[in-house]
Protein backbone atom coordinates (compact mmCIF):
# COMPACT_ATOMS: atom_id res chain seq x y z
CA UNK A 1 -0.99 10.77 -21.71
CA UNK A 2 -3.65 8.40 -19.80
CA UNK A 3 -1.62 8.44 -16.39
CA UNK A 4 -2.62 12.03 -16.33
CA UNK A 5 -6.07 12.13 -17.45
CA UNK A 6 -6.59 9.25 -14.63
CA UNK A 7 -4.64 11.22 -12.17
CA UNK A 8 -7.01 13.97 -12.42
CA UNK A 9 -9.80 11.90 -12.32
CA UNK A 10 -8.98 10.75 -8.58
CA UNK A 11 -7.74 13.94 -7.47
CA UNK A 12 -10.90 15.65 -7.94
CA UNK A 13 -12.78 13.34 -5.74
CA UNK A 14 -12.51 14.50 -2.27
CA UNK A 15 -11.59 11.27 -0.65
CA UNK A 16 -10.57 12.66 2.72
CA UNK A 17 -10.31 9.41 4.81
CA UNK A 18 -11.94 7.05 5.42
CA UNK A 19 -14.17 8.36 2.32
CA UNK A 20 -13.67 7.04 -1.19
CA UNK A 21 -16.03 9.68 -3.01
CA UNK A 22 -16.76 7.65 -6.02
CA UNK A 23 -12.69 6.69 -6.62
CA UNK A 24 -13.31 3.37 -6.51
CA UNK A 25 -16.26 2.90 -8.53
CA UNK A 26 -14.29 4.31 -11.25
CA UNK A 27 -11.03 2.39 -10.84
CA UNK A 28 -13.63 -0.75 -10.83
CA UNK A 29 -15.34 0.62 -14.06
CA UNK A 30 -12.09 0.59 -15.97
CA UNK A 31 -11.17 -2.71 -14.45
CA UNK A 32 -14.18 -4.15 -15.17
CA UNK A 33 -13.62 -3.17 -19.10
CA UNK A 34 -10.38 -5.06 -18.79
CA UNK A 35 -11.92 -8.27 -17.75
CA UNK A 36 -11.45 -8.43 -14.08
CA UNK A 37 -13.67 -9.84 -11.62
CA UNK A 38 -14.64 -7.54 -9.00
CA UNK A 39 -15.41 -8.03 -5.09
CA UNK A 40 -16.09 -5.30 -2.97
CA UNK A 41 -15.29 -5.87 0.66
CA UNK A 42 -16.85 -3.03 2.39
CA UNK A 43 -16.22 -2.84 6.38
CA UNK A 44 -17.13 -0.21 9.41
CA UNK A 45 -17.77 2.29 7.16
CA UNK A 46 -14.87 1.76 4.68
CA UNK A 47 -14.87 1.03 0.97
CA UNK A 48 -12.48 -1.67 -0.06
CA UNK A 49 -12.70 -4.01 -3.39
CA UNK A 50 -10.53 -7.05 -4.64
CA UNK A 51 -10.21 -7.41 -8.21
CA UNK A 52 -8.75 -10.13 -10.03
CA UNK A 53 -7.48 -11.37 -13.70
CA UNK A 54 -6.83 -15.08 -14.58
CA UNK A 55 -7.94 -18.25 -12.93
CA UNK A 56 -4.75 -20.29 -11.62
CA UNK A 57 -1.48 -19.94 -10.81
CA UNK A 58 0.79 -17.26 -8.43
CA UNK A 59 -0.92 -13.75 -7.59
CA UNK A 60 0.78 -10.44 -8.29
CA UNK A 61 -0.90 -7.63 -6.94
CA UNK A 62 -1.27 -3.91 -6.93
CA UNK A 63 -1.99 -2.32 -3.73
CA UNK A 64 -2.94 0.80 -2.81
CA UNK A 65 -5.37 3.25 -1.27
CA UNK A 66 -8.24 5.85 -2.51
CA UNK A 67 -8.39 8.15 0.87
CA UNK A 68 -6.17 11.17 1.57
CA UNK A 69 -5.10 13.25 4.57
CA UNK A 70 -7.19 16.84 5.22
CA UNK A 71 -5.87 19.39 3.18
CA UNK A 72 -5.42 21.99 5.86
CA UNK A 73 -6.41 25.56 5.60
CA UNK A 74 -7.30 26.12 1.92
CA UNK A 75 -6.21 29.40 1.82
CA UNK A 76 -2.39 28.07 2.07
CA UNK A 77 -3.05 26.14 -1.33
CA UNK A 78 -2.21 27.85 -4.46
CA UNK A 79 -5.11 25.98 -6.26
CA UNK A 80 -8.20 24.08 -5.02
CA UNK A 81 -6.56 20.84 -3.74
CA UNK A 82 -9.39 18.95 -4.94
CA UNK A 83 -8.98 21.01 -8.32
CA UNK A 84 -5.99 19.05 -10.26
CA UNK A 85 -4.15 21.93 -11.49
CA UNK A 86 -0.84 21.81 -14.06
CA UNK A 87 2.08 24.40 -12.72
CA UNK A 88 5.88 24.90 -13.56
CA UNK A 89 5.83 21.20 -14.93
CA UNK A 90 4.03 19.31 -11.97
CA UNK A 91 0.47 18.31 -11.53
CA UNK A 92 -0.81 19.70 -8.20
CA UNK A 93 -3.46 18.36 -5.96
CA UNK A 94 -4.23 16.59 -2.55
CA UNK A 95 -3.01 13.37 -3.14
CA UNK A 96 -1.05 13.61 -6.49
CA UNK A 97 1.93 11.72 -4.88
CA UNK A 98 0.20 9.76 -1.92
CA UNK A 99 -1.39 7.97 -3.49
CA UNK A 100 -3.76 8.54 -6.82
CA UNK A 101 -0.74 8.99 -9.04
CA UNK A 102 0.56 5.64 -8.28
CA UNK A 103 -2.88 4.32 -8.61
CA UNK A 104 -3.40 5.73 -12.25
CA UNK A 105 0.02 4.57 -12.92
CA UNK A 106 -1.15 1.03 -11.79
CA UNK A 107 -4.13 1.02 -13.96
CA UNK A 108 -1.93 2.28 -17.20
CA UNK A 109 0.62 -0.21 -16.73
CA UNK A 110 -1.97 -3.10 -16.62
CA UNK A 111 -3.88 -1.69 -19.55
CA UNK A 112 -0.82 -2.15 -21.92
CA UNK A 113 0.56 -5.43 -20.02
CA UNK A 114 -3.32 -7.11 -21.14
CA UNK A 115 -2.92 -5.95 -24.50
CA UNK A 116 0.29 -7.44 -25.08
CA UNK A 117 -0.22 -10.33 -22.86
CA UNK A 118 -3.81 -11.16 -22.87
CA UNK A 119 -3.42 -14.96 -21.48
CA UNK A 120 -0.50 -14.33 -19.49
CA UNK A 121 0.02 -17.31 -16.93
CA UNK A 122 -0.61 -16.40 -13.11
CA UNK A 123 -3.29 -13.65 -11.91
CA UNK A 124 -3.09 -9.93 -11.65
CA UNK A 125 -5.17 -8.51 -8.66
CA UNK A 126 -5.47 -5.10 -6.77
CA UNK A 127 -6.47 -4.37 -3.63
CA UNK A 128 -7.73 -0.96 -2.91
CA UNK A 129 -8.95 0.46 0.25
CA UNK A 130 -10.08 3.87 1.79
CA UNK A 131 -8.75 3.28 5.42
CA UNK A 132 -4.94 3.58 4.99
CA UNK A 133 -4.58 7.22 6.03
CA UNK A 134 -6.95 6.62 8.53
CA UNK A 135 -7.39 4.19 11.42
CA UNK A 136 -6.27 1.44 9.24
CA UNK A 137 -8.57 -1.15 10.95
CA UNK A 138 -11.51 -1.84 8.35
CA UNK A 139 -9.55 -1.82 5.17
CA UNK A 140 -6.79 -3.60 3.98
CA UNK A 141 -6.24 -5.38 7.21
CA UNK A 142 -10.16 -6.34 6.94
CA UNK A 143 -9.44 -7.60 3.32
CA UNK A 144 -6.41 -9.46 4.39
CA UNK A 145 -8.33 -11.23 7.08
CA UNK A 146 -10.97 -12.21 4.46
CA UNK A 147 -8.57 -13.62 2.20
CA UNK A 148 -6.50 -15.23 4.94
CA UNK A 149 -9.86 -17.04 6.17
CA UNK A 150 -10.49 -18.53 2.93
CA UNK A 151 -7.12 -19.84 2.13
CA UNK A 152 -5.83 -17.09 -0.35
CA UNK A 153 -2.45 -15.92 -0.77
CA UNK A 154 -0.98 -13.50 -2.28
CA UNK A 155 2.38 -14.30 -3.61
CA UNK A 156 4.15 -10.77 -5.12
CA UNK A 157 2.66 -7.42 -3.87
CA UNK A 158 3.44 -4.01 -5.05
CA UNK A 159 2.36 -1.20 -3.14
CA UNK A 160 2.11 2.35 -4.51
CA UNK A 161 3.40 4.07 -1.38
CA UNK A 162 5.86 7.59 -2.44
CA UNK A 163 9.09 5.77 -1.71
CA UNK A 164 10.85 7.91 -3.85
CA UNK A 165 13.17 10.43 -2.46
CA UNK A 166 15.75 12.68 -4.73
CA UNK A 167 14.50 11.04 -7.85
CA UNK A 168 11.98 8.91 -9.10
CA UNK A 169 12.53 5.04 -8.24
CA UNK A 170 15.50 5.97 -6.42
CA UNK A 171 14.37 4.04 -3.38
CA UNK A 172 12.40 0.73 -3.00
CA UNK A 173 10.80 -0.15 0.53
CA UNK A 174 11.25 -3.75 1.07
CA UNK A 175 10.10 -3.51 4.56
CA UNK A 176 9.12 -1.38 7.60
CA UNK A 177 9.63 -1.52 11.06
CA UNK A 178 6.73 -2.72 13.39
CA UNK A 179 4.84 0.28 14.97
CA UNK A 180 3.52 0.03 18.63
CA UNK A 181 1.65 3.03 20.38
CA UNK A 182 1.35 3.84 24.10
CA UNK A 183 -0.92 5.95 26.23
CA UNK A 184 0.41 6.52 29.74
CA UNK A 185 -1.13 8.13 32.53
CA UNK A 186 1.33 9.46 35.54
CA UNK A 187 -0.40 9.78 39.06
CA UNK A 188 0.01 12.15 41.66
CA UNK A 189 -1.96 14.13 43.76
CA UNK A 190 -3.50 17.84 43.18
CA UNK A 191 -2.48 20.63 45.30
CA UNK A 192 -1.52 23.96 45.74
CA UNK A 193 1.69 24.94 44.29
CA UNK A 194 2.47 26.84 47.66
CA UNK A 195 1.98 23.67 49.93
CA UNK A 196 4.00 20.75 47.27
CA UNK A 197 4.21 18.70 50.60
CA UNK A 198 0.66 18.05 50.34
CA UNK A 199 0.53 17.22 47.12
CA UNK A 200 2.57 15.06 44.89
CA UNK A 201 3.54 16.43 41.49
CA UNK A 202 3.46 13.77 38.64
CA UNK A 203 5.28 16.04 36.21
CA UNK A 204 8.38 16.41 38.64
CA UNK A 205 8.20 12.66 39.55
CA UNK A 206 7.98 11.52 35.99
CA UNK A 207 11.04 13.31 34.51
CA UNK A 208 13.49 10.93 35.25
CA UNK A 209 11.37 7.63 33.94
CA UNK A 210 11.02 9.99 30.78
CA UNK A 211 14.59 10.86 30.25
CA UNK A 212 15.70 7.35 30.50
CA UNK A 213 12.94 6.12 28.30
CA UNK A 214 13.90 9.04 25.61
CA UNK A 215 17.67 8.40 25.87
CA UNK A 216 17.57 4.48 26.08
CA UNK A 217 19.21 2.62 23.13
CA UNK A 218 16.64 -0.51 22.61
CA UNK A 219 18.36 -2.26 20.15
CA UNK A 220 21.32 -1.40 17.30
CA UNK A 221 19.00 -2.62 14.56
CA UNK A 222 20.36 -4.68 11.78
CA UNK A 223 21.97 -5.11 8.42
CA UNK A 224 18.55 -4.49 7.01
CA UNK A 225 16.86 -2.32 9.70
CA UNK A 226 17.71 1.20 11.83
CA UNK A 227 17.57 0.81 14.76
CA UNK A 228 14.41 0.86 17.09
CA UNK A 229 12.97 4.31 18.13
CA UNK A 230 11.03 5.86 20.86
CA UNK A 231 9.27 9.17 20.22
CA UNK A 232 6.80 10.88 22.97
CA UNK A 233 4.24 12.67 20.26
CA UNK A 234 1.85 14.46 23.02
CA UNK A 235 2.41 15.37 26.68
CA UNK A 236 -0.25 17.21 29.13
CA UNK A 237 -0.84 18.17 32.49
CA UNK A 238 -2.76 20.85 34.53
CA UNK A 239 -5.56 22.73 34.66
CA UNK A 240 -4.41 25.77 32.91
CA UNK A 241 -3.93 27.71 36.32
CA UNK A 242 -0.66 28.56 37.26
CA UNK A 243 -1.21 28.09 41.21
CA UNK A 244 -2.33 24.47 40.93
CA UNK A 245 -0.07 21.49 41.12
CA UNK A 246 -1.51 18.64 38.47
CA UNK A 247 -3.13 15.44 39.57
CA UNK A 248 -2.04 13.79 36.40
CA UNK A 249 0.39 13.65 33.63
CA UNK A 250 -0.76 12.32 30.22
CA UNK A 251 1.55 11.48 27.49
CA UNK A 252 1.45 9.56 24.17
CA UNK A 253 4.77 8.17 22.36
CA UNK A 254 5.45 5.56 19.79
CA UNK A 255 7.64 2.56 19.09
CA UNK A 256 9.03 1.97 15.61
CA UNK A 257 10.80 -1.22 16.02
CA UNK A 258 13.23 -3.46 14.05
CA UNK A 259 12.92 -7.10 14.23
CA UNK A 260 15.65 -7.28 17.01
CA UNK A 261 12.96 -6.08 19.50
CA UNK A 262 9.42 -7.59 20.21
CA UNK A 263 6.40 -6.04 21.50
CA UNK A 264 6.74 -8.33 24.46
CA UNK A 265 9.92 -6.92 25.23
CA UNK A 266 9.51 -3.35 24.79
CA UNK A 267 6.29 -3.35 26.82
CA UNK A 268 8.41 -5.19 29.89
CA UNK A 269 11.05 -2.95 29.53
CA UNK A 270 8.94 0.22 29.67
CA UNK A 271 7.47 -1.07 33.02
CA UNK A 272 10.59 -1.81 34.35
CA UNK A 273 11.61 1.82 34.01
CA UNK A 274 8.35 2.91 35.45
CA UNK A 275 8.37 0.93 38.32
CA UNK A 276 12.07 1.52 39.38
CA UNK A 277 10.82 5.02 39.58
CA UNK A 278 8.31 3.86 42.01
CA UNK A 279 5.28 5.85 39.86
CA UNK A 280 2.00 5.05 40.10
CA UNK A 281 0.25 4.92 36.52
CA UNK A 282 -1.90 3.66 33.97
CA UNK A 283 -0.84 2.26 30.61
CA UNK A 284 -2.40 1.33 27.58
CA UNK A 285 -0.89 -0.20 24.50
CA UNK A 286 -2.10 -0.26 20.43
CA UNK A 287 -0.38 -2.26 18.53
CA UNK A 288 -0.36 -1.40 14.87
CA UNK A 289 1.66 -4.00 13.09
CA UNK A 290 4.64 -6.17 13.21
CA UNK A 291 8.19 -5.64 11.00
CA UNK A 292 8.20 -7.08 7.57
CA UNK A 293 10.97 -7.75 5.36
CA UNK A 294 11.33 -9.20 1.54
CA UNK A 295 14.47 -10.54 0.79
CA UNK A 296 16.24 -10.19 -2.71
CA UNK A 297 14.59 -12.47 -5.02
CA UNK A 298 11.72 -12.80 -7.69
CA UNK A 299 9.87 -9.53 -7.09
CA UNK A 300 12.66 -7.30 -6.19
CA UNK A 301 14.65 -8.64 -9.18
CA UNK A 302 11.75 -7.59 -11.61
CA UNK A 303 10.92 -4.16 -9.70
CA UNK A 304 14.74 -3.42 -10.22
CA UNK A 305 14.68 -4.61 -13.73
CA UNK A 306 11.68 -2.37 -14.41
CA UNK A 307 13.41 0.85 -12.85
CA UNK A 308 16.61 0.21 -14.49
CA UNK A 309 15.07 -0.24 -18.03
CA UNK A 310 13.36 3.44 -17.51
CA UNK A 311 16.09 5.14 -15.07
CA UNK A 312 19.31 3.47 -16.23
CA UNK A 313 19.98 2.13 -12.37
CA UNK A 314 18.61 0.35 -9.80
CA UNK A 315 16.97 1.86 -6.73
CA UNK A 316 18.48 1.61 -3.18
CA UNK A 317 16.79 -0.85 -0.79
CA UNK A 318 15.39 0.49 2.39
CA UNK A 319 13.34 -0.14 5.42
CA UNK A 320 13.07 2.75 7.12
CA UNK A 321 10.15 5.40 6.90
CA UNK A 322 6.82 5.00 8.74
CA UNK A 323 4.21 1.89 8.47
CA UNK A 324 2.21 1.38 5.49
CA UNK A 325 -0.70 -1.48 4.24
CA UNK A 326 2.21 -3.72 3.25
CA UNK A 327 2.54 -4.48 7.09
CA UNK A 328 -1.08 -6.41 6.87
CA UNK A 329 -0.26 -8.07 3.40
CA UNK A 330 3.12 -9.46 4.18
CA UNK A 331 1.39 -11.64 6.69
CA UNK A 332 -0.24 -13.89 4.15
CA UNK A 333 3.06 -14.84 3.43
CA UNK A 334 4.59 -13.69 -0.04
CA UNK A 335 6.75 -10.71 -1.18
CA UNK A 336 6.08 -7.21 -0.81
CA UNK A 337 8.21 -4.17 -2.02
CA UNK A 338 6.84 -0.39 -1.90
CA UNK A 339 7.52 1.90 -4.88
CA UNK A 340 5.72 5.02 -5.85
CA UNK A 341 6.25 9.34 -6.37
CA UNK A 342 8.85 11.05 -4.69
CA UNK A 343 7.58 11.81 -1.02
CA UNK A 344 8.90 15.75 -0.57
CA UNK A 345 5.57 16.86 -0.65
CA UNK A 346 3.23 14.14 0.67
CA UNK A 347 0.53 15.35 3.41
CA UNK A 348 1.73 19.01 2.90
CA UNK A 349 0.10 22.09 1.40
CA UNK A 350 0.65 22.48 -2.38
CA UNK A 351 1.09 18.15 -3.05
CA UNK A 352 2.56 17.78 -6.39
CA UNK A 353 4.17 15.30 -8.58
CA UNK A 354 6.36 16.03 -11.31
CA UNK A 355 4.87 15.39 -14.66
CA UNK A 356 7.79 13.71 -15.95
CA UNK A 357 8.01 11.36 -13.08
CA UNK A 358 4.04 10.49 -13.54
CA UNK A 359 4.98 9.46 -17.23
CA UNK A 360 7.81 7.19 -15.95
CA UNK A 361 5.87 5.44 -13.09
CA UNK A 362 3.62 3.49 -15.42
CA UNK A 363 6.58 2.48 -17.41
CA UNK A 364 8.95 0.96 -14.62
CA UNK A 365 5.50 -0.72 -13.04
CA UNK A 366 4.76 -2.41 -16.67
CA UNK A 367 8.41 -3.14 -17.01
CA UNK A 368 8.07 -4.98 -13.61
CA UNK A 369 5.23 -6.82 -14.84
CA UNK A 370 7.10 -7.88 -18.27
CA UNK A 371 9.91 -9.06 -16.12
CA UNK A 372 7.96 -10.87 -13.28
CA UNK A 373 5.49 -12.63 -15.80
CA UNK A 374 8.89 -13.31 -17.92
CA UNK A 375 10.63 -15.43 -15.47
CA UNK A 376 7.80 -17.63 -14.55
CA UNK A 377 7.33 -16.08 -11.33
CA UNK A 378 3.81 -15.74 -11.60
């Protein structure tokens, strides 16, 4: 099973973000044998490449990342996370599901499709980065900026993120909410806990505002998107001493927002809540990316055809979950979907993908290519 061999090759490389550890060199060698033109696009210590097969017509792109999250404590793993291991019908290793198994499936599907259709219409591309699990500044975002600068468009893109939940290909992501991060500092006056009248406790002052931020209904979402949600991810105050009123309360929070909200509207609403409580504060924002949505059309039809041929029924469409590099690719104006293995063990100890799923995924990708190109969409 080529997809198993390819997955092992990639998992065995310790590509903890933003390191690539030779994964892209190995993929490039496979793609060059198929006649792809390769363009390396490194930036800021991150490895990226853009590969193209064909000379004209619309572009269908496989997109993904070779970097993985850190392993966590090695002694908690049942086997070395960078020594791919088959156990109980599954392949274990860091990146097995997120997303080296998908990359292997993309390669196998492309090999099989080009053997069937060496003179295919349109173009097939690969956009691969090693910066998806990290800050996501010098990876896909950088490549997309370069493509935009020269007027290039990705018409159809399949991102190999692990979208499946209970069974392989039961869920396809056809959009994602936007992401907006904030760092907030509530300013007080440090002092002795026995003399609170001589201090100003920022924790006490902040509580009504924080409660309002957490309890507020930011929007109701839409038929295609869940509502906007705010989550506080970190909070800290104090010196560690029990008899000191802190002078500053620091916290971080994140919005995952639907198209029913805007960045400017969310920022203004947060400031209004803080100002209404007469807080002294410092607030810094980091915008990670806007929401995107792909309506049913040529790409989703092709993906559903590929899924139905192998799994017997189409997938459920979803825009829930976290962010992905699809948010950058969608800015080029094309159709973008995410389809990959089950996500039950991603980022966890003993990450794994079932061998039956690994065998079926390239067949689904191949069916997608056949359906899309047969429809004349590429």
